[in-house]
Amino acid sequence: MKKLALYAEITDTNYAEAVDEFTSYFIQCYHLRDWLIRSGFSQSSVDDLIKSSKHLSLCRDLANKQKHHTIDRYVPKNSFVDLGRNTPITRFADHFDHGKIKLGIDIWEYGQPIEALSVAHHCLEEWSSFLEKQKNIGSKDKN
């Protein structure tokens, strides 16, 4: 997350690098799902978390859109605004933050894209919370 925080404000010189970093982050963040399942976590509990989470489902849809260009194996929870680009990640002027230029995802909330850094932060928090709960469940089972 520290590296992503470097892109809290987008400029002409860091835009392409920021899109690459966030794309990589969302792909890796979503594919934690596969690692958890291979490590013995219940597939249904992992998938239920993703389905119930606005941020993790957005992460899933972003990862699959970036990796496969189209999503046809499931019905995506999120509809990206098609602006003719190959990525739903773009820059925008955040009118809630004095017009600061930020990286966003073309899922519009309150008249602007949703901020990519915020989605990344929420995804990390939700995975961390899930793992902590699973750890607590496991320690209760041993007693």
Protein backbone atom coordinates (compact mmCIF):
# COMPACT_ATOMS: atom_id res chain seq x y z
CA MET A 1 0.00 0.00 0.00
CA LYS A 2 2.92 2.36 0.59
CA LYS A 3 3.82 2.28 -3.09
CA LEU A 4 0.22 2.93 -4.12
CA ALA A 5 0.06 5.89 -1.73
CA LEU A 6 2.72 7.55 -3.91
CA TYR A 7 -0.07 7.98 -6.46
CA ALA A 8 -2.46 9.86 -4.18
CA GLU A 9 -2.20 12.69 -6.70
CA ILE A 10 -1.82 12.01 -10.41
CA THR A 11 0.35 14.03 -12.77
CA ASP A 12 1.18 13.69 -16.45
CA THR A 13 4.50 12.13 -15.49
CA ASN A 14 3.17 9.44 -13.12
CA TYR A 15 -0.16 8.56 -14.75
CA ALA A 16 0.91 5.55 -16.87
CA GLU A 17 3.01 4.11 -14.04
CA ALA A 18 0.12 4.58 -11.60
CA VAL A 19 -2.30 2.72 -13.88
CA ASP A 20 0.21 -0.14 -14.16
CA GLU A 21 0.75 -0.28 -10.38
CA PHE A 22 -2.97 -0.28 -9.57
CA THR A 23 -3.72 -2.83 -12.29
CA SER A 24 -1.07 -5.14 -10.85
CA TYR A 25 -2.34 -4.55 -7.32
CA PHE A 26 -5.96 -5.43 -8.17
CA ILE A 27 -4.93 -8.56 -10.08
CA GLN A 28 -2.72 -9.76 -7.22
CA CYS A 29 -5.25 -8.76 -4.57
CA TYR A 30 -8.02 -10.75 -6.23
CA HIS A 31 -5.81 -13.77 -6.82
CA LEU A 32 -5.22 -14.02 -3.09
CA ARG A 33 -8.52 -15.91 -3.38
CA ASP A 34 -6.79 -18.79 -5.21
CA TRP A 35 -3.93 -18.91 -2.72
CA LEU A 36 -6.32 -19.06 0.22
CA ILE A 37 -8.36 -21.86 -1.32
CA ARG A 38 -5.20 -23.83 -2.15
CA SER A 39 -4.08 -23.28 1.45
CA GLY A 40 -7.17 -25.00 2.82
CA PHE A 41 -9.66 -22.18 3.27
CA SER A 42 -13.21 -22.99 2.30
CA GLN A 43 -13.92 -21.88 -1.27
CA SER A 44 -17.48 -20.97 -0.33
CA SER A 45 -16.37 -18.76 2.57
CA VAL A 46 -13.81 -16.96 0.38
CA ASP A 47 -16.27 -16.53 -2.50
CA ASP A 48 -19.04 -15.40 -0.13
CA LEU A 49 -16.72 -12.70 1.21
CA ILE A 50 -15.97 -11.46 -2.30
CA LYS A 51 -19.62 -11.53 -3.37
CA SER A 52 -20.75 -9.65 -0.26
CA SER A 53 -18.05 -6.99 -0.52
CA LYS A 54 -18.45 -3.96 -2.74
CA HIS A 55 -14.68 -3.46 -2.83
CA LEU A 56 -13.53 -7.06 -3.28
CA SER A 57 -16.14 -7.68 -5.97
CA LEU A 58 -14.89 -4.56 -7.73
CA CYS A 59 -11.33 -5.86 -7.35
CA ARG A 60 -12.45 -9.21 -8.85
CA ASP A 61 -14.18 -7.52 -11.78
CA LEU A 62 -11.20 -5.21 -12.41
CA ALA A 63 -8.74 -8.09 -12.31
CA ASN A 64 -10.79 -10.20 -14.69
CA LYS A 65 -11.50 -7.27 -17.04
CA GLN A 66 -7.81 -6.38 -17.19
CA LYS A 67 -6.66 -9.97 -17.58
CA HIS A 68 -9.28 -11.26 -20.03
CA HIS A 69 -10.59 -7.99 -21.57
CA THR A 70 -14.17 -9.25 -21.18
CA ILE A 71 -15.98 -10.99 -18.36
CA ASP A 72 -17.99 -13.95 -19.62
CA ARG A 73 -17.58 -16.64 -16.96
CA TYR A 74 -19.93 -14.92 -14.51
CA VAL A 75 -22.23 -11.91 -14.35
CA PRO A 76 -20.08 -9.05 -13.01
CA LYS A 77 -21.45 -7.16 -10.04
CA ASN A 78 -20.03 -3.92 -11.43
CA SER A 79 -20.67 -2.25 -14.76
CA PHE A 80 -17.73 -0.18 -15.93
CA VAL A 81 -18.40 2.95 -17.92
CA ASP A 82 -17.12 2.23 -21.42
CA LEU A 83 -15.10 5.23 -22.50
CA GLY A 84 -13.30 3.42 -25.32
CA ARG A 85 -10.14 2.74 -23.31
CA ASN A 86 -8.59 -0.64 -22.64
CA THR A 87 -8.76 -0.07 -18.86
CA PRO A 88 -11.50 1.13 -16.53
CA ILE A 89 -8.80 2.92 -14.50
CA THR A 90 -8.46 6.61 -15.32
CA ARG A 91 -7.61 9.99 -13.82
CA PHE A 92 -10.24 12.43 -12.65
CA ALA A 93 -10.56 15.73 -10.82
CA ASP A 94 -11.95 14.96 -7.36
CA HIS A 95 -14.50 17.68 -6.75
CA PHE A 96 -14.71 16.57 -3.09
CA ASP A 97 -10.98 17.26 -2.63
CA HIS A 98 -10.50 20.71 -4.21
CA GLY A 99 -10.16 19.32 -7.74
CA LYS A 100 -7.06 17.24 -6.90
CA ILE A 101 -6.28 14.88 -9.79
CA LYS A 102 -6.61 11.26 -8.64
CA LEU A 103 -6.77 7.81 -10.10
CA GLY A 104 -10.27 6.44 -10.34
CA ILE A 105 -12.25 3.46 -11.53
CA ASP A 106 -15.06 4.03 -13.98
CA ILE A 107 -17.79 3.05 -11.53
CA TRP A 108 -19.38 6.40 -10.92
CA GLU A 109 -20.44 7.41 -7.43
CA TYR A 110 -21.67 10.85 -6.55
CA GLY A 111 -20.93 12.17 -10.05
CA GLN A 112 -17.32 10.98 -10.33
CA PRO A 113 -15.30 7.76 -10.59
CA ILE A 114 -14.65 5.84 -7.38
CA GLU A 115 -11.12 6.53 -6.12
CA ALA A 116 -8.74 3.63 -6.86
CA LEU A 117 -6.62 4.20 -3.74
CA SER A 118 -9.72 3.97 -1.55
CA VAL A 119 -10.79 0.70 -3.19
CA ALA A 120 -7.29 -0.75 -2.73
CA HIS A 121 -7.29 0.27 0.94
CA HIS A 122 -10.72 -1.26 1.59
CA CYS A 123 -9.72 -4.50 -0.15
CA LEU A 124 -6.67 -4.84 2.08
CA GLU A 125 -8.77 -4.16 5.19
CA GLU A 126 -11.39 -6.71 4.18
CA TRP A 127 -8.86 -9.47 3.43
CA SER A 128 -7.10 -8.70 6.74
CA SER A 129 -10.37 -8.85 8.67
CA PHE A 130 -11.33 -12.14 6.98
CA LEU A 131 -7.96 -13.70 7.83
CA GLU A 132 -8.17 -12.49 11.43
CA LYS A 133 -11.65 -13.99 11.81
CA GLN A 134 -10.48 -17.29 10.32
CA LYS A 135 -7.51 -17.31 12.70
CA ASN A 136 -9.86 -16.78 15.65
CA ILE A 137 -12.19 -19.55 14.44
CA GLY A 138 -9.21 -21.90 14.10
CA SER A 139 -7.93 -21.15 17.59
CA LYS A 140 -11.41 -21.77 19.08
CA ASP A 141 -11.59 -25.13 17.28
CA LYS A 142 -8.31 -26.22 18.92
CA ASN A 143 -9.63 -25.55 22.45
